[in-house]
Amino acid sequence: MTDRNGPRDSKSSDLVQGTLEMLILKTLAMEPMHGYGVGLRIEQISGGVFKVNAGSLLPALSRMERAGDVKSEWRATENNRRAKYYLLTAKGRRALSAETEQWQRQIDAIARILEA
């Protein structure tokens, strides 16, 4: 894949603007997780295409918590360490549903354009 700056690495990609929060919501819809787990799960499910660094993930989780889409609580990890776990709220589930519908409409429109 190429862009105006030259060839792009096809193995990994930057997240499209505005998708990080939707991916976080979807990940937390599966189960509550700590921040590192959220980033790792997004990378795993995307087959390594999306790699989310802590510098993007933690501020996004903080914004989402302030907005009421997620809540957090301290729990013990698999390694018996304390970590902040994030849980999806009812408001977050509604936001995920709305964002998923919006992205699906956009994906369908892009597919129609590419097939034209």
C-alpha atoms as a PDB file:
ATOM      1  CA  MET A   1       0.000   0.000   0.000  1.00  0.00           C
ATOM      2  CA  THR A   2       1.296   3.461  -0.797  1.00  0.00           C
ATOM      3  CA  ASP A   3       0.320   6.953   0.215  1.00  0.00           C
ATOM      4  CA  ARG A   4       1.613  10.417  -0.572  1.00  0.00           C
ATOM      5  CA  ASN A   5       4.596   9.804   1.732  1.00  0.00           C
ATOM      6  CA  GLY A   6       5.663   6.633  -0.078  1.00  0.00           C
ATOM      7  CA  PRO A   7       5.131   2.909   0.562  1.00  0.00           C
ATOM      8  CA  ARG A   8       3.336   1.866   3.721  1.00  0.00           C
ATOM      9  CA  ASP A   9       4.032  -1.209   5.761  1.00  0.00           C
ATOM     10  CA  SER A  10       1.212  -3.671   5.065  1.00  0.00           C
ATOM     11  CA  LYS A  11       1.831  -5.550   8.329  1.00  0.00           C
ATOM     12  CA  SER A  12       0.778  -2.738  10.663  1.00  0.00           C
ATOM     13  CA  SER A  13      -1.299   0.373  10.253  1.00  0.00           C
ATOM     14  CA  ASP A  14      -2.294   3.468  12.128  1.00  0.00           C
ATOM     15  CA  LEU A  15      -5.842   3.475  13.388  1.00  0.00           C
ATOM     16  CA  VAL A  16      -8.233   5.485  11.288  1.00  0.00           C
ATOM     17  CA  GLN A  17      -9.094   8.717  13.105  1.00  0.00           C
ATOM     18  CA  GLY A  18     -11.940   8.109  15.529  1.00  0.00           C
ATOM     19  CA  THR A  19     -11.781   4.311  15.592  1.00  0.00           C
ATOM     20  CA  LEU A  20      -9.756   3.775  18.764  1.00  0.00           C
ATOM     21  CA  GLU A  21     -12.637   4.418  21.136  1.00  0.00           C
ATOM     22  CA  MET A  22     -14.947   2.128  19.156  1.00  0.00           C
ATOM     23  CA  LEU A  23     -12.344  -0.657  19.246  1.00  0.00           C
ATOM     24  CA  ILE A  24     -11.881  -0.168  22.985  1.00  0.00           C
ATOM     25  CA  LEU A  25     -15.660  -0.358  23.519  1.00  0.00           C
ATOM     26  CA  LYS A  26     -15.867  -3.545  21.449  1.00  0.00           C
ATOM     27  CA  THR A  27     -12.954  -5.096  23.321  1.00  0.00           C
ATOM     28  CA  LEU A  28     -14.491  -4.292  26.713  1.00  0.00           C
ATOM     29  CA  ALA A  29     -17.856  -5.665  25.525  1.00  0.00           C
ATOM     30  CA  MET A  30     -16.148  -9.077  25.493  1.00  0.00           C
ATOM     31  CA  GLU A  31     -14.928  -8.826  29.098  1.00  0.00           C
ATOM     32  CA  PRO A  32     -13.490  -6.314  31.591  1.00  0.00           C
ATOM     33  CA  MET A  33      -9.744  -5.786  31.082  1.00  0.00           C
ATOM     34  CA  HIS A  34      -6.833  -3.702  32.253  1.00  0.00           C
ATOM     35  CA  GLY A  35      -5.361  -1.178  29.830  1.00  0.00           C
ATOM     36  CA  TYR A  36      -2.467  -3.362  28.687  1.00  0.00           C
ATOM     37  CA  GLY A  37      -4.923  -6.212  28.030  1.00  0.00           C
ATOM     38  CA  VAL A  38      -7.124  -3.955  25.895  1.00  0.00           C
ATOM     39  CA  GLY A  39      -4.187  -2.960  23.692  1.00  0.00           C
ATOM     40  CA  LEU A  40      -2.990  -6.543  23.413  1.00  0.00           C
ATOM     41  CA  ARG A  41      -6.468  -7.842  22.516  1.00  0.00           C
ATOM     42  CA  ILE A  42      -6.910  -5.228  19.766  1.00  0.00           C
ATOM     43  CA  GLU A  43      -3.532  -6.224  18.330  1.00  0.00           C
ATOM     44  CA  GLN A  44      -4.369  -9.950  18.524  1.00  0.00           C
ATOM     45  CA  ILE A  45      -7.829  -9.685  16.972  1.00  0.00           C
ATOM     46  CA  SER A  46      -6.574  -7.426  14.174  1.00  0.00           C
ATOM     47  CA  GLY A  47      -3.846  -9.930  13.343  1.00  0.00           C
ATOM     48  CA  GLY A  48      -1.188  -7.410  14.307  1.00  0.00           C
ATOM     49  CA  VAL A  49      -2.498  -4.723  11.940  1.00  0.00           C
ATOM     50  CA  PHE A  50      -3.433  -2.359  14.777  1.00  0.00           C
ATOM     51  CA  LYS A  51      -0.927  -1.737  17.541  1.00  0.00           C
ATOM     52  CA  VAL A  52      -2.154   0.642  20.217  1.00  0.00           C
ATOM     53  CA  ASN A  53       0.495   2.305  22.338  1.00  0.00           C
ATOM     54  CA  ALA A  54      -0.111   3.328  25.951  1.00  0.00           C
ATOM     55  CA  GLY A  55       0.282   6.988  24.976  1.00  0.00           C
ATOM     56  CA  SER A  56      -2.928   6.738  22.956  1.00  0.00           C
ATOM     57  CA  LEU A  57      -4.773   4.064  24.916  1.00  0.00           C
ATOM     58  CA  LEU A  58      -4.627   5.477  28.429  1.00  0.00           C
ATOM     59  CA  PRO A  59      -5.838   8.985  27.521  1.00  0.00           C
ATOM     60  CA  ALA A  60      -8.666   7.412  25.491  1.00  0.00           C
ATOM     61  CA  LEU A  61      -9.709   5.238  28.452  1.00  0.00           C
ATOM     62  CA  SER A  62      -9.598   8.286  30.701  1.00  0.00           C
ATOM     63  CA  ARG A  63     -11.796  10.304  28.297  1.00  0.00           C
ATOM     64  CA  MET A  64     -14.216   7.402  28.010  1.00  0.00           C
ATOM     65  CA  GLU A  65     -14.405   7.068  31.782  1.00  0.00           C
ATOM     66  CA  ARG A  66     -15.156  10.789  32.187  1.00  0.00           C
ATOM     67  CA  ALA A  67     -17.865  10.467  29.509  1.00  0.00           C
ATOM     68  CA  GLY A  68     -19.442   7.543  31.374  1.00  0.00           C
ATOM     69  CA  ASP A  69     -18.859   4.944  28.640  1.00  0.00           C
ATOM     70  CA  VAL A  70     -16.572   2.876  30.868  1.00  0.00           C
ATOM     71  CA  LYS A  71     -15.955   2.605  34.579  1.00  0.00           C
ATOM     72  CA  SER A  72     -12.898   1.302  36.355  1.00  0.00           C
ATOM     73  CA  GLU A  73     -12.058  -0.681  39.451  1.00  0.00           C
ATOM     74  CA  TRP A  74      -8.879  -2.075  40.952  1.00  0.00           C
ATOM     75  CA  ARG A  75      -8.477  -5.849  40.700  1.00  0.00           C
ATOM     76  CA  ALA A  76      -5.767  -8.467  40.903  1.00  0.00           C
ATOM     77  CA  THR A  77      -4.281  -9.539  37.554  1.00  0.00           C
ATOM     78  CA  GLU A  78      -3.400 -13.055  36.438  1.00  0.00           C
ATOM     79  CA  ASN A  79       0.047 -12.393  37.970  1.00  0.00           C
ATOM     80  CA  ASN A  80      -1.531 -11.350  41.279  1.00  0.00           C
ATOM     81  CA  ARG A  81      -0.662  -7.673  40.769  1.00  0.00           C
ATOM     82  CA  ARG A  82      -3.100  -4.807  41.210  1.00  0.00           C
ATOM     83  CA  ALA A  83      -4.304  -3.155  38.016  1.00  0.00           C
ATOM     84  CA  LYS A  84      -7.075  -0.831  36.986  1.00  0.00           C
ATOM     85  CA  TYR A  85      -9.696  -2.841  35.110  1.00  0.00           C
ATOM     86  CA  TYR A  86     -12.139  -1.148  32.762  1.00  0.00           C
ATOM     87  CA  LEU A  87     -15.745  -2.251  32.377  1.00  0.00           C
ATOM     88  CA  LEU A  88     -18.286  -1.216  29.768  1.00  0.00           C
ATOM     89  CA  THR A  89     -21.304   0.697  31.100  1.00  0.00           C
ATOM     90  CA  ALA A  90     -24.837   0.670  29.679  1.00  0.00           C
ATOM     91  CA  LYS A  91     -24.059   4.054  28.088  1.00  0.00           C
ATOM     92  CA  GLY A  92     -20.932   2.533  26.553  1.00  0.00           C
ATOM     93  CA  ARG A  93     -22.952  -0.356  25.088  1.00  0.00           C
ATOM     94  CA  ARG A  94     -25.316   2.142  23.453  1.00  0.00           C
ATOM     95  CA  ALA A  95     -22.351   4.143  22.115  1.00  0.00           C
ATOM     96  CA  LEU A  96     -20.785   0.961  20.710  1.00  0.00           C
ATOM     97  CA  SER A  97     -24.018   0.056  18.943  1.00  0.00           C
ATOM     98  CA  ALA A  98     -24.393   3.526  17.414  1.00  0.00           C
ATOM     99  CA  GLU A  99     -20.737   3.718  16.321  1.00  0.00           C
ATOM    100  CA  THR A 100     -20.845   0.206  14.852  1.00  0.00           C
ATOM    101  CA  GLU A 101     -23.895   1.113  12.758  1.00  0.00           C
ATOM    102  CA  GLN A 102     -22.224   4.319  11.550  1.00  0.00           C
ATOM    103  CA  TRP A 103     -18.998   2.524  10.598  1.00  0.00           C
ATOM    104  CA  GLN A 104     -20.914  -0.222   8.797  1.00  0.00           C
ATOM    105  CA  ARG A 105     -22.695   2.396   6.661  1.00  0.00           C
ATOM    106  CA  GLN A 106     -19.331   3.976   5.834  1.00  0.00           C
ATOM    107  CA  ILE A 107     -17.720   0.614   5.027  1.00  0.00           C
ATOM    108  CA  ASP A 108     -20.637  -0.267   2.730  1.00  0.00           C
ATOM    109  CA  ALA A 109     -20.354   3.092   0.950  1.00  0.00           C
ATOM    110  CA  ILE A 110     -16.597   2.701   0.480  1.00  0.00           C
ATOM    111  CA  ALA A 111     -17.127  -0.812  -0.914  1.00  0.00           C
ATOM    112  CA  ARG A 112     -19.683   0.534  -3.427  1.00  0.00           C
ATOM    113  CA  ILE A 113     -17.217   3.222  -4.531  1.00  0.00           C
ATOM    114  CA  LEU A 114     -14.377   0.711  -4.915  1.00  0.00           C
ATOM    115  CA  GLU A 115     -16.594  -1.624  -6.928  1.00  0.00           C
ATOM    116  CA  ALA A 116     -17.754   1.162  -9.296  1.00  0.00           C
END
